[in-house]
Amino acid sequence: MDSCDRRVRAYKNGKTMEECKEIAESMNPDFKSQIDKNGKVLWTEILEQVDHDELLYKLSLKYLRRDGYDIGNYKIPEVKKFTS
């Protein structure tokens, strides 16, 4: 049975999964600075900044959650720092 090799599959604009991960990682410092400045960043703002690329959007949220941010949910579509 043939399977897709995820390392060479082209996503939006012909990027591989690894390239998308690198781009999402490189955009996260901008999102973090927006959160520090404004207290939060809306999901729609992230979506606009990644040029409506769904994979970059999801990876950005994943990496923000990994770095200790509250990424919200469908009722609260915003990313902010966890409050203690």
PDB file of N, CA and C in Angstrom:
ATOM      1  N   MET A   1       0.836  -1.174   0.000  1.00  0.00           N
ATOM      2  CA  MET A   1       0.000   0.000   0.000  1.00  0.00           C
ATOM      3  C   MET A   1       0.883   1.239   0.000  1.00  0.00           C
ATOM      4  N   ASP A   2       0.614   2.161  -0.916  1.00  0.00           N
ATOM      5  CA  ASP A   2       1.377   3.393  -1.000  1.00  0.00           C
ATOM      6  C   ASP A   2       0.891   4.376   0.052  1.00  0.00           C
ATOM      7  N   SER A   3       1.823   5.156   0.576  1.00  0.00           N
ATOM      8  CA  SER A   3       1.451   6.206   1.520  1.00  0.00           C
ATOM      9  C   SER A   3       2.181   7.479   1.148  1.00  0.00           C
ATOM     10  N   CYS A   4       1.629   8.584   1.563  1.00  0.00           N
ATOM     11  CA  CYS A   4       2.235   9.875   1.260  1.00  0.00           C
ATOM     12  C   CYS A   4       3.432  10.112   2.172  1.00  0.00           C
ATOM     13  N   ASP A   5       4.484  10.621   1.622  1.00  0.00           N
ATOM     14  CA  ASP A   5       5.653  10.993   2.404  1.00  0.00           C
ATOM     15  C   ASP A   5       5.453  12.439   2.851  1.00  0.00           C
ATOM     16  N   ARG A   6       5.217  12.639   4.136  1.00  0.00           N
ATOM     17  CA  ARG A   6       4.880  13.966   4.639  1.00  0.00           C
ATOM     18  C   ARG A   6       6.009  14.966   4.476  1.00  0.00           C
ATOM     19  N   ARG A   7       7.212  14.490   4.282  1.00  0.00           N
ATOM     20  CA  ARG A   7       8.346  15.404   4.148  1.00  0.00           C
ATOM     21  C   ARG A   7       8.392  16.092   2.790  1.00  0.00           C
ATOM     22  N   VAL A   8       7.731  15.546   1.806  1.00  0.00           N
ATOM     23  CA  VAL A   8       7.810  16.142   0.478  1.00  0.00           C
ATOM     24  C   VAL A   8       6.451  16.618  -0.038  1.00  0.00           C
ATOM     25  N   ARG A   9       5.410  16.467   0.758  1.00  0.00           N
ATOM     26  CA  ARG A   9       4.092  16.914   0.318  1.00  0.00           C
ATOM     27  C   ARG A   9       4.056  18.434   0.281  1.00  0.00           C
ATOM     28  N   ALA A  10       3.525  18.986  -0.765  1.00  0.00           N
ATOM     29  CA  ALA A  10       3.445  20.434  -0.899  1.00  0.00           C
ATOM     30  C   ALA A  10       2.156  20.949  -0.283  1.00  0.00           C
ATOM     31  N   TYR A  11       2.292  21.933   0.570  1.00  0.00           N
ATOM     32  CA  TYR A  11       1.127  22.601   1.140  1.00  0.00           C
ATOM     33  C   TYR A  11       0.941  23.912   0.398  1.00  0.00           C
ATOM     34  N   LYS A  12       0.254  24.855   0.989  1.00  0.00           N
ATOM     35  CA  LYS A  12      -0.018  26.118   0.314  1.00  0.00           C
ATOM     36  C   LYS A  12       1.285  26.753  -0.178  1.00  0.00           C
ATOM     37  N   ASN A  13       1.269  27.252  -1.368  1.00  0.00           N
ATOM     38  CA  ASN A  13       2.423  27.880  -2.020  1.00  0.00           C
ATOM     39  C   ASN A  13       3.594  26.919  -2.202  1.00  0.00           C
ATOM     40  N   GLY A  14       3.333  25.613  -2.219  1.00  0.00           N
ATOM     41  CA  GLY A  14       4.357  24.627  -2.498  1.00  0.00           C
ATOM     42  C   GLY A  14       5.347  24.375  -1.384  1.00  0.00           C
ATOM     43  N   LYS A  15       5.030  24.743  -0.160  1.00  0.00           N
ATOM     44  CA  LYS A  15       5.941  24.546   0.968  1.00  0.00           C
ATOM     45  C   LYS A  15       5.789  23.140   1.542  1.00  0.00           C
ATOM     46  N   THR A  16       6.891  22.604   2.056  1.00  0.00           N
ATOM     47  CA  THR A  16       6.836  21.313   2.731  1.00  0.00           C
ATOM     48  C   THR A  16       6.426  21.536   4.182  1.00  0.00           C
ATOM     49  N   MET A  17       6.140  20.447   4.883  1.00  0.00           N
ATOM     50  CA  MET A  17       5.753  20.527   6.282  1.00  0.00           C
ATOM     51  C   MET A  17       6.865  21.163   7.119  1.00  0.00           C
ATOM     52  N   GLU A  18       8.098  20.798   6.857  1.00  0.00           N
ATOM     53  CA  GLU A  18       9.233  21.342   7.617  1.00  0.00           C
ATOM     54  C   GLU A  18       9.371  22.843   7.387  1.00  0.00           C
ATOM     55  N   GLU A  19       9.172  23.298   6.171  1.00  0.00           N
ATOM     56  CA  GLU A  19       9.235  24.728   5.885  1.00  0.00           C
ATOM     57  C   GLU A  19       8.115  25.471   6.606  1.00  0.00           C
ATOM     58  N   CYS A  20       6.930  24.874   6.645  1.00  0.00           N
ATOM     59  CA  CYS A  20       5.804  25.488   7.345  1.00  0.00           C
ATOM     60  C   CYS A  20       6.092  25.588   8.843  1.00  0.00           C
ATOM     61  N   LYS A  21       6.702  24.558   9.414  1.00  0.00           N
ATOM     62  CA  LYS A  21       7.051  24.593  10.839  1.00  0.00           C
ATOM     63  C   LYS A  21       8.039  25.716  11.124  1.00  0.00           C
ATOM     64  N   GLU A  22       9.038  25.867  10.261  1.00  0.00           N
ATOM     65  CA  GLU A  22      10.037  26.922  10.435  1.00  0.00           C
ATOM     66  C   GLU A  22       9.403  28.308  10.336  1.00  0.00           C
ATOM     67  N   ILE A  23       8.496  28.485   9.393  1.00  0.00           N
ATOM     68  CA  ILE A  23       7.822  29.775   9.222  1.00  0.00           C
ATOM     69  C   ILE A  23       6.973  30.090  10.446  1.00  0.00           C
ATOM     70  N   ALA A  24       6.223  29.109  10.927  1.00  0.00           N
ATOM     71  CA  ALA A  24       5.374  29.317  12.104  1.00  0.00           C
ATOM     72  C   ALA A  24       6.225  29.667  13.321  1.00  0.00           C
ATOM     73  N   GLU A  25       7.346  28.976  13.505  1.00  0.00           N
ATOM     74  CA  GLU A  25       8.250  29.278  14.624  1.00  0.00           C
ATOM     75  C   GLU A  25       8.799  30.692  14.506  1.00  0.00           C
ATOM     76  N   SER A  26       9.113  31.118  13.295  1.00  0.00           N
ATOM     77  CA  SER A  26       9.694  32.452  13.104  1.00  0.00           C
ATOM     78  C   SER A  26       8.663  33.565  13.322  1.00  0.00           C
ATOM     79  N   MET A  27       7.377  33.263  13.176  1.00  0.00           N
ATOM     80  CA  MET A  27       6.335  34.277  13.365  1.00  0.00           C
ATOM     81  C   MET A  27       5.932  34.424  14.834  1.00  0.00           C
ATOM     82  N   ASN A  28       6.190  33.415  15.647  1.00  0.00           N
ATOM     83  CA  ASN A  28       5.742  33.439  17.035  1.00  0.00           C
ATOM     84  C   ASN A  28       6.315  34.572  17.872  1.00  0.00           C
ATOM     85  N   PRO A  29       7.580  34.994  17.697  1.00  0.00           N
ATOM     86  CA  PRO A  29       8.040  36.149  18.478  1.00  0.00           C
ATOM     87  C   PRO A  29       7.198  37.406  18.235  1.00  0.00           C
ATOM     88  N   ASP A  30       6.703  37.582  17.015  1.00  0.00           N
ATOM     89  CA  ASP A  30       5.827  38.725  16.723  1.00  0.00           C
ATOM     90  C   ASP A  30       4.518  38.613  17.491  1.00  0.00           C
ATOM     91  N   PHE A  31       3.947  37.409  17.513  1.00  0.00           N
ATOM     92  CA  PHE A  31       2.697  37.203  18.249  1.00  0.00           C
ATOM     93  C   PHE A  31       2.916  37.421  19.741  1.00  0.00           C
ATOM     94  N   LYS A  32       4.041  36.938  20.256  1.00  0.00           N
ATOM     95  CA  LYS A  32       4.335  37.104  21.683  1.00  0.00           C
ATOM     96  C   LYS A  32       4.490  38.575  22.046  1.00  0.00           C
ATOM     97  N   SER A  33       5.138  39.347  21.182  1.00  0.00           N
ATOM     98  CA  SER A  33       5.293  40.778  21.471  1.00  0.00           C
ATOM     99  C   SER A  33       3.949  41.491  21.418  1.00  0.00           C
ATOM    100  N   GLN A  34       3.058  41.074  20.513  1.00  0.00           N
ATOM    101  CA  GLN A  34       1.708  41.650  20.470  1.00  0.00           C
ATOM    102  C   GLN A  34       0.948  41.322  21.743  1.00  0.00           C
ATOM    103  N   ILE A  35       1.108  40.100  22.244  1.00  0.00           N
ATOM    104  CA  ILE A  35       0.427  39.703  23.477  1.00  0.00           C
ATOM    105  C   ILE A  35       0.972  40.508  24.646  1.00  0.00           C
ATOM    106  N   ASP A  36       2.290  40.694  24.712  1.00  0.00           N
ATOM    107  CA  ASP A  36       2.888  41.484  25.782  1.00  0.00           C
ATOM    108  C   ASP A  36       2.423  42.937  25.726  1.00  0.00           C
ATOM    109  N   LYS A  37       2.280  43.462  24.526  1.00  0.00           N
ATOM    110  CA  LYS A  37       1.881  44.862  24.350  1.00  0.00           C
ATOM    111  C   LYS A  37       0.394  45.076  24.615  1.00  0.00           C
ATOM    112  N   ASN A  38      -0.461  44.208  24.057  1.00  0.00           N
ATOM    113  CA  ASN A  38      -1.911  44.406  24.112  1.00  0.00           C
ATOM    114  C   ASN A  38      -2.632  43.504  25.112  1.00  0.00           C
ATOM    115  N   GLY A  39      -1.930  42.543  25.680  1.00  0.00           N
ATOM    116  CA  GLY A  39      -2.552  41.620  26.617  1.00  0.00           C
ATOM    117  C   GLY A  39      -3.172  40.400  25.952  1.00  0.00           C
ATOM    118  N   LYS A  40      -3.382  40.479  24.649  1.00  0.00           N
ATOM    119  CA  LYS A  40      -3.955  39.352  23.911  1.00  0.00           C
ATOM    120  C   LYS A  40      -3.771  39.583  22.420  1.00  0.00           C
ATOM    121  N   VAL A  41      -3.972  38.535  21.657  1.00  0.00           N
ATOM    122  CA  VAL A  41      -4.026  38.619  20.197  1.00  0.00           C
ATOM    123  C   VAL A  41      -5.191  37.731  19.763  1.00  0.00           C
ATOM    124  N   LEU A  42      -6.017  38.242  18.892  1.00  0.00           N
ATOM    125  CA  LEU A  42      -7.193  37.499  18.434  1.00  0.00           C
ATOM    126  C   LEU A  42      -6.794  36.462  17.385  1.00  0.00           C
ATOM    127  N   TRP A  43      -7.570  35.382  17.342  1.00  0.00           N
ATOM    128  CA  TRP A  43      -7.326  34.348  16.333  1.00  0.00           C
ATOM    129  C   TRP A  43      -7.384  34.936  14.930  1.00  0.00           C
ATOM    130  N   THR A  44      -8.307  35.865  14.704  1.00  0.00           N
ATOM    131  CA  THR A  44      -8.439  36.458  13.364  1.00  0.00           C
ATOM    132  C   THR A  44      -7.192  37.248  12.990  1.00  0.00           C
ATOM    133  N   GLU A  45      -6.552  37.884  13.981  1.00  0.00           N
ATOM    134  CA  GLU A  45      -5.322  38.619  13.699  1.00  0.00           C
ATOM    135  C   GLU A  45      -4.206  37.672  13.292  1.00  0.00           C
ATOM    136  N   ILE A  46      -4.124  36.522  13.976  1.00  0.00           N
ATOM    137  CA  ILE A  46      -3.115  35.519  13.614  1.00  0.00           C
ATOM    138  C   ILE A  46      -3.393  35.003  12.205  1.00  0.00           C
ATOM    139  N   LEU A  47      -4.646  34.716  11.912  1.00  0.00           N
ATOM    140  CA  LEU A  47      -5.023  34.204  10.596  1.00  0.00           C
ATOM    141  C   LEU A  47      -4.659  35.203   9.496  1.00  0.00           C
ATOM    142  N   GLU A  48      -4.865  36.486   9.741  1.00  0.00           N
ATOM    143  CA  GLU A  48      -4.502  37.500   8.749  1.00  0.00           C
ATOM    144  C   GLU A  48      -2.995  37.578   8.559  1.00  0.00           C
ATOM    145  N   GLN A  49      -2.239  37.476   9.651  1.00  0.00           N
ATOM    146  CA  GLN A  49      -0.787  37.597   9.556  1.00  0.00           C
ATOM    147  C   GLN A  49      -0.143  36.400   8.863  1.00  0.00           C
ATOM    148  N   VAL A  50      -0.777  35.236   8.933  1.00  0.00           N
ATOM    149  CA  VAL A  50      -0.234  34.064   8.227  1.00  0.00           C
ATOM    150  C   VAL A  50      -0.827  33.943   6.828  1.00  0.00           C
ATOM    151  N   ASP A  51      -1.487  35.003   6.379  1.00  0.00           N
ATOM    152  CA  ASP A  51      -2.047  35.076   5.026  1.00  0.00           C
ATOM    153  C   ASP A  51      -3.064  33.967   4.780  1.00  0.00           C
ATOM    154  N   HIS A  52      -3.885  33.696   5.778  1.00  0.00           N
ATOM    155  CA  HIS A  52      -4.968  32.715   5.697  1.00  0.00           C
ATOM    156  C   HIS A  52      -4.482  31.312   5.318  1.00  0.00           C
ATOM    157  N   ASP A  53      -3.257  30.994   5.718  1.00  0.00           N
ATOM    158  CA  ASP A  53      -2.705  29.663   5.516  1.00  0.00           C
ATOM    159  C   ASP A  53      -3.072  28.836   6.745  1.00  0.00           C
ATOM    160  N   GLU A  54      -3.976  27.883   6.571  1.00  0.00           N
ATOM    161  CA  GLU A  54      -4.522  27.125   7.699  1.00  0.00           C
ATOM    162  C   GLU A  54      -3.448  26.353   8.456  1.00  0.00           C
ATOM    163  N   LEU A  55      -2.492  25.782   7.745  1.00  0.00           N
ATOM    164  CA  LEU A  55      -1.445  25.009   8.406  1.00  0.00           C
ATOM    165  C   LEU A  55      -0.563  25.914   9.272  1.00  0.00           C
ATOM    166  N   LEU A  56      -0.153  27.062   8.745  1.00  0.00           N
ATOM    167  CA  LEU A  56       0.648  27.996   9.538  1.00  0.00           C
ATOM    168  C   LEU A  56      -0.129  28.494  10.746  1.00  0.00           C
ATOM    169  N   TYR A  57      -1.405  28.724  10.560  1.00  0.00           N
ATOM    170  CA  TYR A  57      -2.285  29.183  11.644  1.00  0.00           C
ATOM    171  C   TYR A  57      -2.328  28.160  12.772  1.00  0.00           C
ATOM    172  N   LYS A  58      -2.565  26.910  12.428  1.00  0.00           N
ATOM    173  CA  LYS A  58      -2.650  25.857  13.440  1.00  0.00           C
ATOM    174  C   LYS A  58      -1.306  25.616  14.113  1.00  0.00           C
ATOM    175  N   LEU A  59      -0.231  25.644  13.346  1.00  0.00           N
ATOM    176  CA  LEU A  59       1.092  25.465  13.931  1.00  0.00           C
ATOM    177  C   LEU A  59       1.443  26.618  14.863  1.00  0.00           C
ATOM    178  N   SER A  60       1.079  27.831  14.483  1.00  0.00           N
ATOM    179  CA  SER A  60       1.346  28.994  15.346  1.00  0.00           C
ATOM    180  C   SER A  60       0.628  28.856  16.678  1.00  0.00           C
ATOM    181  N   LEU A  61      -0.645  28.448  16.637  1.00  0.00           N
ATOM    182  CA  LEU A  61      -1.383  28.239  17.887  1.00  0.00           C
ATOM    183  C   LEU A  61      -0.753  27.115  18.709  1.00  0.00           C
ATOM    184  N   LYS A  62      -0.345  26.061  18.043  1.00  0.00           N
ATOM    185  CA  LYS A  62       0.289  24.935  18.736  1.00  0.00           C
ATOM    186  C   LYS A  62       1.557  25.384  19.449  1.00  0.00           C
ATOM    187  N   TYR A  63       2.386  26.164  18.778  1.00  0.00           N
ATOM    188  CA  TYR A  63       3.645  26.603  19.369  1.00  0.00           C
ATOM    189  C   TYR A  63       3.409  27.624  20.475  1.00  0.00           C
ATOM    190  N   LEU A  64       2.384  28.461  20.347  1.00  0.00           N
ATOM    191  CA  LEU A  64       2.064  29.391  21.428  1.00  0.00           C
ATOM    192  C   LEU A  64       1.609  28.630  22.673  1.00  0.00           C
ATOM    193  N   ARG A  65       0.796  27.589  22.488  1.00  0.00           N
ATOM    194  CA  ARG A  65       0.361  26.770  23.617  1.00  0.00           C
ATOM    195  C   ARG A  65       1.568  26.080  24.255  1.00  0.00           C
ATOM    196  N   ARG A  66       2.451  25.568  23.428  1.00  0.00           N
ATOM    197  CA  ARG A  66       3.668  24.912  23.924  1.00  0.00           C
ATOM    198  C   ARG A  66       4.519  25.868  24.766  1.00  0.00           C
ATOM    199  N   ASP A  67       4.537  27.138  24.376  1.00  0.00           N
ATOM    200  CA  ASP A  67       5.346  28.139  25.065  1.00  0.00           C
ATOM    201  C   ASP A  67       4.644  28.753  26.274  1.00  0.00           C
ATOM    202  N   GLY A  68       3.486  28.203  26.658  1.00  0.00           N
ATOM    203  CA  GLY A  68       2.847  28.615  27.896  1.00  0.00           C
ATOM    204  C   GLY A  68       1.760  29.667  27.765  1.00  0.00           C
ATOM    205  N   TYR A  69       1.207  29.831  26.589  1.00  0.00           N
ATOM    206  CA  TYR A  69       0.125  30.791  26.390  1.00  0.00           C
ATOM    207  C   TYR A  69      -1.218  30.070  26.370  1.00  0.00           C
ATOM    208  N   ASP A  70      -2.252  30.760  26.809  1.00  0.00           N
ATOM    209  CA  ASP A  70      -3.627  30.257  26.766  1.00  0.00           C
ATOM    210  C   ASP A  70      -4.171  30.596  25.389  1.00  0.00           C
ATOM    211  N   ILE A  71      -4.428  29.571  24.568  1.00  0.00           N
ATOM    212  CA  ILE A  71      -4.872  29.838  23.196  1.00  0.00           C
ATOM    213  C   ILE A  71      -6.392  29.940  23.082  1.00  0.00           C
ATOM    214  N   GLY A  72      -7.094  29.884  24.194  1.00  0.00           N
ATOM    215  CA  GLY A  72      -8.539  30.068  24.183  1.00  0.00           C
ATOM    216  C   GLY A  72      -9.283  28.884  23.601  1.00  0.00           C
ATOM    217  N   ASN A  73     -10.519  29.152  23.173  1.00  0.00           N
ATOM    218  CA  ASN A  73     -11.366  28.136  22.560  1.00  0.00           C
ATOM    219  C   ASN A  73     -12.362  28.840  21.641  1.00  0.00           C
ATOM    220  N   TYR A  74     -13.329  28.105  21.125  1.00  0.00           N
ATOM    221  CA  TYR A  74     -14.249  28.715  20.158  1.00  0.00           C
ATOM    222  C   TYR A  74     -15.120  29.804  20.778  1.00  0.00           C
ATOM    223  N   LYS A  75     -15.306  29.777  22.089  1.00  0.00           N
ATOM    224  CA  LYS A  75     -16.088  30.826  22.750  1.00  0.00           C
ATOM    225  C   LYS A  75     -15.232  32.055  23.055  1.00  0.00           C
ATOM    226  N   ILE A  76     -13.940  31.841  23.268  1.00  0.00           N
ATOM    227  CA  ILE A  76     -12.998  32.931  23.555  1.00  0.00           C
ATOM    228  C   ILE A  76     -11.842  32.805  22.557  1.00  0.00           C
ATOM    229  N   PRO A  77     -12.030  33.300  21.333  1.00  0.00           N
ATOM    230  CA  PRO A  77     -11.023  33.102  20.285  1.00  0.00           C
ATOM    231  C   PRO A  77      -9.867  34.104  20.378  1.00  0.00           C
ATOM    232  N   GLU A  78      -9.056  33.957  21.432  1.00  0.00           N
ATOM    233  CA  GLU A  78      -7.929  34.855  21.603  1.00  0.00           C
ATOM    234  C   GLU A  78      -6.802  34.123  22.331  1.00  0.00           C
ATOM    235  N   VAL A  79      -5.599  34.621  22.139  1.00  0.00           N
ATOM    236  CA  VAL A  79      -4.427  34.055  22.805  1.00  0.00           C
ATOM    237  C   VAL A  79      -3.942  35.084  23.812  1.00  0.00           C
ATOM    238  N   LYS A  80      -3.687  34.624  25.038  1.00  0.00           N
ATOM    239  CA  LYS A  80      -3.201  35.513  26.093  1.00  0.00           C
ATOM    240  C   LYS A  80      -2.316  34.716  27.031  1.00  0.00           C
ATOM    241  N   LYS A  81      -1.642  35.427  27.924  1.00  0.00           N
ATOM    242  CA  LYS A  81      -0.818  34.750  28.917  1.00  0.00           C
ATOM    243  C   LYS A  81      -1.728  34.088  29.946  1.00  0.00           C
ATOM    244  N   PHE A  82      -1.258  32.965  30.464  1.00  0.00           N
ATOM    245  CA  PHE A  82      -1.996  32.313  31.561  1.00  0.00           C
ATOM    246  C   PHE A  82      -1.938  33.220  32.772  1.00  0.00           C
ATOM    247  N   THR A  83      -3.050  33.353  33.460  1.00  0.00           N
ATOM    248  CA  THR A  83      -3.075  34.139  34.691  1.00  0.00           C
ATOM    249  C   THR A  83      -3.056  33.191  35.878  1.00  0.00           C
ATOM    250  N   SER A  84      -2.266  33.535  36.848  1.00  0.00           N
ATOM    251  CA  SER A  84      -2.139  32.668  38.022  1.00  0.00           C
ATOM    252  C   SER A  84      -3.132  33.029  39.087  1.00  0.00           C
TER     253      SER A  84
END
